[in-house]
Amino acid sequence: MPLAERVEAFFEREVKPHVPDAWIDTDKRDPKDGQVGIIGYEINFNRYTPPRPLEEIESDIRVIEPDILKMLSEVTGGSEGGR
């Protein structure tokens, strides 16, 4: 849930349409601000997509490396091949 949004608005839009008999436990309040709900973050590792193989990423970088060097040269005023 976005931190800047009211719990009730989020609940009505994102929860109620899918679970009509759902309710908010207003007794659960964050100890820091006293507001309904506990502030925190959830990282759902079940939705995690592992990165591509390193060799594939490196290959893509090698393809665009000349363009990167050219752009850096234009910004820094240096030579393209000066590693």
C-alpha atoms as a PDB file:
ATOM      1  CA  MET A   1       0.000   0.000   0.000  1.00  0.00           C
ATOM      2  CA  PRO A   2       1.398   3.440  -0.849  1.00  0.00           C
ATOM      3  CA  LEU A   3       2.466   5.348   2.273  1.00  0.00           C
ATOM      4  CA  ALA A   4       0.799   8.566   1.092  1.00  0.00           C
ATOM      5  CA  GLU A   5      -2.624   6.938   0.681  1.00  0.00           C
ATOM      6  CA  ARG A   6      -5.333   6.525   3.301  1.00  0.00           C
ATOM      7  CA  VAL A   7      -5.797   2.927   4.457  1.00  0.00           C
ATOM      8  CA  GLU A   8      -9.543   3.106   3.844  1.00  0.00           C
ATOM      9  CA  ALA A   9      -9.190   4.323   0.242  1.00  0.00           C
ATOM     10  CA  PHE A  10      -6.677   1.614  -0.607  1.00  0.00           C
ATOM     11  CA  PHE A  11      -8.817  -1.028   1.087  1.00  0.00           C
ATOM     12  CA  GLU A  12     -11.971  -0.050  -0.792  1.00  0.00           C
ATOM     13  CA  ARG A  13     -10.213   0.007  -4.158  1.00  0.00           C
ATOM     14  CA  GLU A  14      -7.800  -2.932  -3.902  1.00  0.00           C
ATOM     15  CA  VAL A  15      -9.265  -5.360  -1.370  1.00  0.00           C
ATOM     16  CA  LYS A  16     -13.060  -5.079  -1.214  1.00  0.00           C
ATOM     17  CA  PRO A  17     -13.678  -5.885  -4.908  1.00  0.00           C
ATOM     18  CA  HIS A  18     -11.872  -9.220  -4.444  1.00  0.00           C
ATOM     19  CA  VAL A  19     -12.853 -10.074  -0.860  1.00  0.00           C
ATOM     20  CA  PRO A  20     -16.244  -8.483  -0.148  1.00  0.00           C
ATOM     21  CA  ASP A  21     -16.385  -9.679   3.468  1.00  0.00           C
ATOM     22  CA  ALA A  22     -12.885  -8.359   4.329  1.00  0.00           C
ATOM     23  CA  TRP A  23     -12.531  -5.837   7.145  1.00  0.00           C
ATOM     24  CA  ILE A  24      -9.877  -3.617   8.716  1.00  0.00           C
ATOM     25  CA  ASP A  25      -8.793  -4.406  12.267  1.00  0.00           C
ATOM     26  CA  THR A  26      -8.699  -0.857  13.630  1.00  0.00           C
ATOM     27  CA  ASP A  27      -7.210  -2.162  16.905  1.00  0.00           C
ATOM     28  CA  LYS A  28      -3.880  -2.749  15.140  1.00  0.00           C
ATOM     29  CA  ARG A  29      -2.050   0.553  15.243  1.00  0.00           C
ATOM     30  CA  ASP A  30       1.510   1.489  14.452  1.00  0.00           C
ATOM     31  CA  PRO A  31       3.370   2.235  17.696  1.00  0.00           C
ATOM     32  CA  LYS A  32       5.290   5.091  16.067  1.00  0.00           C
ATOM     33  CA  ASP A  33       2.396   7.157  14.720  1.00  0.00           C
ATOM     34  CA  GLY A  34      -0.694   5.647  16.348  1.00  0.00           C
ATOM     35  CA  GLN A  35      -2.430   5.302  12.968  1.00  0.00           C
ATOM     36  CA  VAL A  36      -4.372   2.216  11.864  1.00  0.00           C
ATOM     37  CA  GLY A  37      -2.102  -0.438  10.373  1.00  0.00           C
ATOM     38  CA  ILE A  38       1.532  -1.274  10.889  1.00  0.00           C
ATOM     39  CA  ILE A  39       3.983   0.533   8.621  1.00  0.00           C
ATOM     40  CA  GLY A  40       6.464  -1.807   6.997  1.00  0.00           C
ATOM     41  CA  TYR A  41       7.515  -3.363   3.741  1.00  0.00           C
ATOM     42  CA  GLU A  42       7.059  -6.785   2.224  1.00  0.00           C
ATOM     43  CA  ILE A  43       9.399  -8.255  -0.328  1.00  0.00           C
ATOM     44  CA  ASN A  44       7.682 -11.107  -2.106  1.00  0.00           C
ATOM     45  CA  PHE A  45      10.452 -13.470  -3.147  1.00  0.00           C
ATOM     46  CA  ASN A  46       7.947 -15.710  -4.922  1.00  0.00           C
ATOM     47  CA  ARG A  47       7.637 -13.014  -7.598  1.00  0.00           C
ATOM     48  CA  TYR A  48      11.398 -12.561  -7.894  1.00  0.00           C
ATOM     49  CA  THR A  49      12.777 -12.970 -11.395  1.00  0.00           C
ATOM     50  CA  PRO A  50      16.439 -13.942 -11.348  1.00  0.00           C
ATOM     51  CA  PRO A  51      18.808 -11.832 -13.455  1.00  0.00           C
ATOM     52  CA  ARG A  52      19.956 -13.017 -16.838  1.00  0.00           C
ATOM     53  CA  PRO A  53      23.213 -14.993 -16.983  1.00  0.00           C
ATOM     54  CA  LEU A  54      26.279 -12.782 -16.499  1.00  0.00           C
ATOM     55  CA  GLU A  55      27.678 -13.809 -19.896  1.00  0.00           C
ATOM     56  CA  GLU A  56      24.533 -12.541 -21.622  1.00  0.00           C
ATOM     57  CA  ILE A  57      24.638  -9.202 -19.787  1.00  0.00           C
ATOM     58  CA  GLU A  58      28.356  -8.821 -20.537  1.00  0.00           C
ATOM     59  CA  SER A  59      27.714  -9.536 -24.230  1.00  0.00           C
ATOM     60  CA  ASP A  60      25.063  -6.796 -24.357  1.00  0.00           C
ATOM     61  CA  ILE A  61      27.448  -4.343 -22.682  1.00  0.00           C
ATOM     62  CA  ARG A  62      30.216  -5.170 -25.163  1.00  0.00           C
ATOM     63  CA  VAL A  63      27.817  -4.388 -28.045  1.00  0.00           C
ATOM     64  CA  ILE A  64      27.049  -0.897 -26.704  1.00  0.00           C
ATOM     65  CA  GLU A  65      30.520  -0.204 -25.281  1.00  0.00           C
ATOM     66  CA  PRO A  66      31.730   1.767 -28.345  1.00  0.00           C
ATOM     67  CA  ASP A  67      28.686   4.071 -28.075  1.00  0.00           C
ATOM     68  CA  ILE A  68      29.291   4.548 -24.348  1.00  0.00           C
ATOM     69  CA  LEU A  69      32.947   5.412 -24.934  1.00  0.00           C
ATOM     70  CA  LYS A  70      32.010   7.864 -27.693  1.00  0.00           C
ATOM     71  CA  MET A  71      29.447   9.614 -25.458  1.00  0.00           C
ATOM     72  CA  LEU A  72      31.924   9.777 -22.572  1.00  0.00           C
ATOM     73  CA  SER A  73      34.504  11.252 -24.903  1.00  0.00           C
ATOM     74  CA  GLU A  74      32.055  13.928 -26.012  1.00  0.00           C
ATOM     75  CA  VAL A  75      31.238  14.840 -22.408  1.00  0.00           C
ATOM     76  CA  THR A  76      34.799  14.791 -21.071  1.00  0.00           C
ATOM     77  CA  GLY A  77      36.559  16.111 -24.169  1.00  0.00           C
ATOM     78  CA  GLY A  78      38.953  13.143 -24.020  1.00  0.00           C
ATOM     79  CA  SER A  79      39.905  10.553 -26.572  1.00  0.00           C
ATOM     80  CA  GLU A  80      37.632   7.549 -27.163  1.00  0.00           C
ATOM     81  CA  GLY A  81      40.256   4.872 -26.713  1.00  0.00           C
ATOM     82  CA  GLY A  82      41.882   6.208 -23.552  1.00  0.00           C
ATOM     83  CA  ARG A  83      41.250   3.450 -21.005  1.00  0.00           C
END
